[in-house]
């Protein structure tokens, strides 16, 4: 299920005020709350605009892709490599 930016923003604000947004129909409460905490972490790390859906795909040069693959092969997790981009 995809959520729009305004919905995510509302969920994050409620969470920071000590409340939870009502769980939508068709998703478990535990999974939905975990998703909200993930949105909060993303907003804290990268700013609230990071919750918006990307409008374009990121284009990487061959050298940048090679460097990312080399970091993963060296043992760094894909998630950490992505966050540092």
N, C-alpha and C. Protein backbone atom coordinates (compact mmCIF):
# COMPACT_ATOMS: atom_id res chain seq x y z
N UNK A 1 0.85 -1.17 0.00
CA UNK A 1 0.00 0.00 0.00
C UNK A 1 0.90 1.24 0.00
N UNK A 2 0.61 2.19 -0.88
CA UNK A 2 1.39 3.42 -0.94
C UNK A 2 0.63 4.54 -0.26
N UNK A 3 1.37 5.41 0.37
CA UNK A 3 0.78 6.53 1.10
C UNK A 3 1.33 7.82 0.51
N UNK A 4 0.47 8.84 0.43
CA UNK A 4 0.93 10.11 -0.12
C UNK A 4 1.69 10.91 0.94
N UNK A 5 2.34 11.95 0.47
CA UNK A 5 3.21 12.77 1.32
C UNK A 5 2.45 13.38 2.49
N UNK A 6 1.26 13.90 2.25
CA UNK A 6 0.48 14.55 3.31
C UNK A 6 0.12 13.55 4.40
N UNK A 7 -0.25 12.34 4.01
CA UNK A 7 -0.59 11.30 4.98
C UNK A 7 0.63 10.95 5.84
N UNK A 8 1.78 10.77 5.19
CA UNK A 8 3.01 10.46 5.93
C UNK A 8 3.37 11.58 6.89
N UNK A 9 3.25 12.81 6.42
CA UNK A 9 3.56 13.98 7.25
C UNK A 9 2.65 14.02 8.47
N UNK A 10 1.37 13.76 8.28
CA UNK A 10 0.41 13.73 9.38
C UNK A 10 0.78 12.64 10.39
N UNK A 11 1.13 11.45 9.90
CA UNK A 11 1.51 10.34 10.78
C UNK A 11 2.75 10.69 11.60
N UNK A 12 3.74 11.31 10.97
CA UNK A 12 4.98 11.69 11.66
C UNK A 12 4.69 12.73 12.73
N UNK A 13 3.88 13.73 12.41
CA UNK A 13 3.55 14.77 13.39
C UNK A 13 2.81 14.19 14.59
N UNK A 14 1.84 13.30 14.33
CA UNK A 14 1.12 12.67 15.43
C UNK A 14 2.07 11.86 16.31
N UNK A 15 2.97 11.11 15.68
CA UNK A 15 3.92 10.29 16.42
C UNK A 15 4.80 11.16 17.32
N UNK A 16 5.26 12.28 16.79
CA UNK A 16 6.12 13.16 17.57
C UNK A 16 5.37 13.84 18.71
N UNK A 17 4.03 13.88 18.62
CA UNK A 17 3.20 14.41 19.69
C UNK A 17 2.73 13.32 20.65
N UNK A 18 3.26 12.10 20.47
CA UNK A 18 2.94 11.01 21.38
C UNK A 18 1.67 10.25 21.06
N UNK A 19 1.16 10.40 19.83
CA UNK A 19 -0.06 9.69 19.45
C UNK A 19 0.21 8.91 18.17
N UNK A 20 -0.67 7.93 17.91
CA UNK A 20 -0.58 7.13 16.69
C UNK A 20 -1.74 7.47 15.77
N UNK A 21 -1.48 7.46 14.49
CA UNK A 21 -2.55 7.60 13.50
C UNK A 21 -3.36 6.31 13.51
N UNK A 22 -4.64 6.41 13.22
CA UNK A 22 -5.49 5.23 13.15
C UNK A 22 -4.98 4.31 12.05
N UNK A 23 -4.91 3.02 12.35
CA UNK A 23 -4.41 2.04 11.40
C UNK A 23 -5.40 1.87 10.25
N UNK A 24 -4.95 2.03 9.00
CA UNK A 24 -5.85 1.85 7.86
C UNK A 24 -6.32 0.39 7.75
N UNK A 25 -7.45 0.24 7.11
CA UNK A 25 -8.00 -1.09 6.92
C UNK A 25 -7.12 -1.87 5.94
N UNK A 26 -6.90 -3.13 6.24
CA UNK A 26 -6.14 -3.99 5.34
C UNK A 26 -4.67 -4.13 5.70
N UNK A 27 -4.24 -3.51 6.79
CA UNK A 27 -2.85 -3.63 7.23
C UNK A 27 -2.85 -3.84 8.74
N UNK A 28 -1.94 -4.67 9.21
CA UNK A 28 -1.85 -4.93 10.64
C UNK A 28 -1.31 -3.72 11.40
N UNK A 29 -1.76 -3.59 12.64
CA UNK A 29 -1.34 -2.45 13.45
C UNK A 29 0.17 -2.43 13.67
N UNK A 30 0.74 -3.60 13.95
CA UNK A 30 2.18 -3.69 14.21
C UNK A 30 2.98 -3.23 12.97
N UNK A 31 2.59 -3.72 11.80
CA UNK A 31 3.30 -3.34 10.57
C UNK A 31 3.15 -1.85 10.27
N UNK A 32 1.95 -1.32 10.47
CA UNK A 32 1.71 0.09 10.19
C UNK A 32 2.53 0.98 11.13
N UNK A 33 2.57 0.62 12.41
CA UNK A 33 3.33 1.43 13.36
C UNK A 33 4.83 1.36 13.08
N UNK A 34 5.29 0.20 12.63
CA UNK A 34 6.71 0.08 12.26
C UNK A 34 7.00 0.98 11.06
N UNK A 35 6.07 1.05 10.13
CA UNK A 35 6.23 1.91 8.96
C UNK A 35 6.31 3.38 9.39
N UNK A 36 5.48 3.77 10.35
CA UNK A 36 5.49 5.15 10.84
C UNK A 36 6.84 5.47 11.48
N UNK A 37 7.36 4.56 12.31
CA UNK A 37 8.66 4.82 12.94
C UNK A 37 9.76 4.92 11.89
N UNK A 38 9.64 4.16 10.81
CA UNK A 38 10.60 4.27 9.71
C UNK A 38 10.51 5.64 9.05
N UNK A 39 9.29 6.13 8.84
CA UNK A 39 9.12 7.48 8.26
C UNK A 39 9.72 8.54 9.17
N UNK A 40 9.56 8.37 10.48
CA UNK A 40 10.12 9.33 11.44
C UNK A 40 11.64 9.35 11.33
N UNK A 41 12.25 8.18 11.25
CA UNK A 41 13.71 8.10 11.13
C UNK A 41 14.18 8.74 9.83
N UNK A 42 13.47 8.48 8.74
CA UNK A 42 13.83 9.08 7.45
C UNK A 42 13.74 10.59 7.53
N UNK A 43 12.66 11.09 8.13
CA UNK A 43 12.47 12.54 8.25
C UNK A 43 13.55 13.16 9.12
N UNK A 44 13.95 12.48 10.19
CA UNK A 44 14.99 13.01 11.07
C UNK A 44 16.36 13.02 10.39
N UNK A 45 16.64 11.98 9.62
CA UNK A 45 17.94 11.87 8.95
C UNK A 45 18.07 12.78 7.73
N UNK A 46 17.03 12.79 6.91
CA UNK A 46 17.14 13.43 5.60
C UNK A 46 16.22 14.63 5.41
N UNK A 47 15.44 14.96 6.41
CA UNK A 47 14.50 16.06 6.28
C UNK A 47 13.13 15.56 5.86
N UNK A 48 12.13 16.36 6.13
CA UNK A 48 10.74 15.96 5.90
C UNK A 48 10.44 15.76 4.42
N UNK A 49 11.17 16.44 3.54
CA UNK A 49 10.95 16.28 2.10
C UNK A 49 11.35 14.90 1.59
N UNK A 50 12.13 14.17 2.36
CA UNK A 50 12.55 12.83 1.95
C UNK A 50 11.37 11.86 1.94
N UNK A 51 10.25 12.24 2.55
CA UNK A 51 9.07 11.39 2.56
C UNK A 51 8.28 11.49 1.26
N UNK A 52 8.62 12.46 0.42
CA UNK A 52 7.93 12.62 -0.86
C UNK A 52 8.38 11.51 -1.81
N UNK A 53 7.48 11.14 -2.72
CA UNK A 53 7.83 10.16 -3.73
C UNK A 53 8.78 10.81 -4.72
N UNK A 54 9.83 10.11 -5.14
CA UNK A 54 10.76 10.70 -6.09
C UNK A 54 10.07 10.93 -7.43
N UNK A 55 10.39 12.04 -8.04
CA UNK A 55 9.79 12.35 -9.34
C UNK A 55 10.63 11.81 -10.49
N UNK A 56 11.90 11.60 -10.25
CA UNK A 56 12.78 11.05 -11.28
C UNK A 56 13.72 10.04 -10.64
N UNK A 57 14.22 9.15 -11.45
CA UNK A 57 15.20 8.18 -10.97
C UNK A 57 16.58 8.84 -10.96
N UNK A 58 17.39 8.43 -10.00
CA UNK A 58 18.74 8.96 -9.91
C UNK A 58 19.60 8.32 -10.98
N UNK A 59 20.33 9.13 -11.69
CA UNK A 59 21.25 8.64 -12.71
C UNK A 59 22.66 8.62 -12.13
N UNK A 60 23.31 7.47 -12.18
CA UNK A 60 24.67 7.33 -11.70
C UNK A 60 25.60 7.07 -12.89
N UNK A 61 26.79 7.62 -12.81
CA UNK A 61 27.79 7.35 -13.85
C UNK A 61 28.34 5.95 -13.63
N UNK A 62 29.05 5.45 -14.60
CA UNK A 62 29.66 4.12 -14.48
C UNK A 62 30.61 4.08 -13.29
N UNK A 63 31.37 5.15 -13.10
CA UNK A 63 32.33 5.21 -12.00
C UNK A 63 31.62 5.18 -10.64
N UNK A 64 30.51 5.91 -10.54
CA UNK A 64 29.76 5.93 -9.28
C UNK A 64 29.16 4.56 -8.98
N UNK A 65 28.63 3.90 -9.99
CA UNK A 65 28.07 2.56 -9.79
C UNK A 65 29.17 1.57 -9.38
N UNK A 66 30.32 1.67 -10.02
CA UNK A 66 31.43 0.79 -9.68
C UNK A 66 31.85 1.01 -8.22
N UNK A 67 31.93 2.27 -7.80
CA UNK A 67 32.32 2.57 -6.42
C UNK A 67 31.31 2.01 -5.42
N UNK A 68 30.02 2.10 -5.73
CA UNK A 68 29.00 1.55 -4.83
C UNK A 68 29.09 0.03 -4.75
N UNK A 69 29.28 -0.62 -5.89
CA UNK A 69 29.40 -2.08 -5.90
C UNK A 69 30.65 -2.51 -5.13
N UNK A 70 31.74 -1.78 -5.30
CA UNK A 70 32.98 -2.11 -4.58
C UNK A 70 32.78 -2.00 -3.07
N UNK A 71 32.03 -1.00 -2.62
CA UNK A 71 31.78 -0.85 -1.19
C UNK A 71 30.95 -2.02 -0.65
N UNK A 72 29.96 -2.46 -1.43
CA UNK A 72 29.14 -3.60 -1.00
C UNK A 72 29.98 -4.86 -0.96
N UNK A 73 30.81 -5.07 -1.97
CA UNK A 73 31.67 -6.25 -1.99
C UNK A 73 32.70 -6.23 -0.87
N UNK A 74 33.04 -5.03 -0.39
CA UNK A 74 33.99 -4.89 0.72
C UNK A 74 33.32 -5.17 2.07
N UNK A 75 32.00 -5.38 2.07
CA UNK A 75 31.33 -5.74 3.31
C UNK A 75 30.34 -4.72 3.84
N UNK A 76 30.27 -3.56 3.24
CA UNK A 76 29.32 -2.54 3.70
C UNK A 76 27.92 -2.91 3.19
N UNK A 77 26.90 -2.67 4.01
CA UNK A 77 25.55 -3.04 3.60
C UNK A 77 25.05 -2.11 2.49
N UNK A 78 24.14 -2.64 1.69
CA UNK A 78 23.56 -1.86 0.60
C UNK A 78 22.83 -0.64 1.15
N UNK A 79 22.17 -0.82 2.27
CA UNK A 79 21.40 0.28 2.87
C UNK A 79 22.32 1.42 3.29
N UNK A 80 23.46 1.09 3.90
CA UNK A 80 24.40 2.13 4.31
C UNK A 80 24.99 2.83 3.10
N UNK A 81 25.29 2.08 2.06
CA UNK A 81 25.82 2.69 0.84
C UNK A 81 24.80 3.64 0.24
N UNK A 82 23.55 3.25 0.24
CA UNK A 82 22.50 4.08 -0.34
C UNK A 82 22.32 5.36 0.47
N UNK A 83 22.35 5.26 1.80
CA UNK A 83 22.15 6.43 2.66
C UNK A 83 23.27 7.44 2.52
N UNK A 84 24.46 7.00 2.13
CA UNK A 84 25.60 7.91 2.01
C UNK A 84 25.66 8.58 0.64
N UNK A 85 24.80 8.18 -0.27
CA UNK A 85 24.82 8.77 -1.63
C UNK A 85 24.37 10.21 -1.60
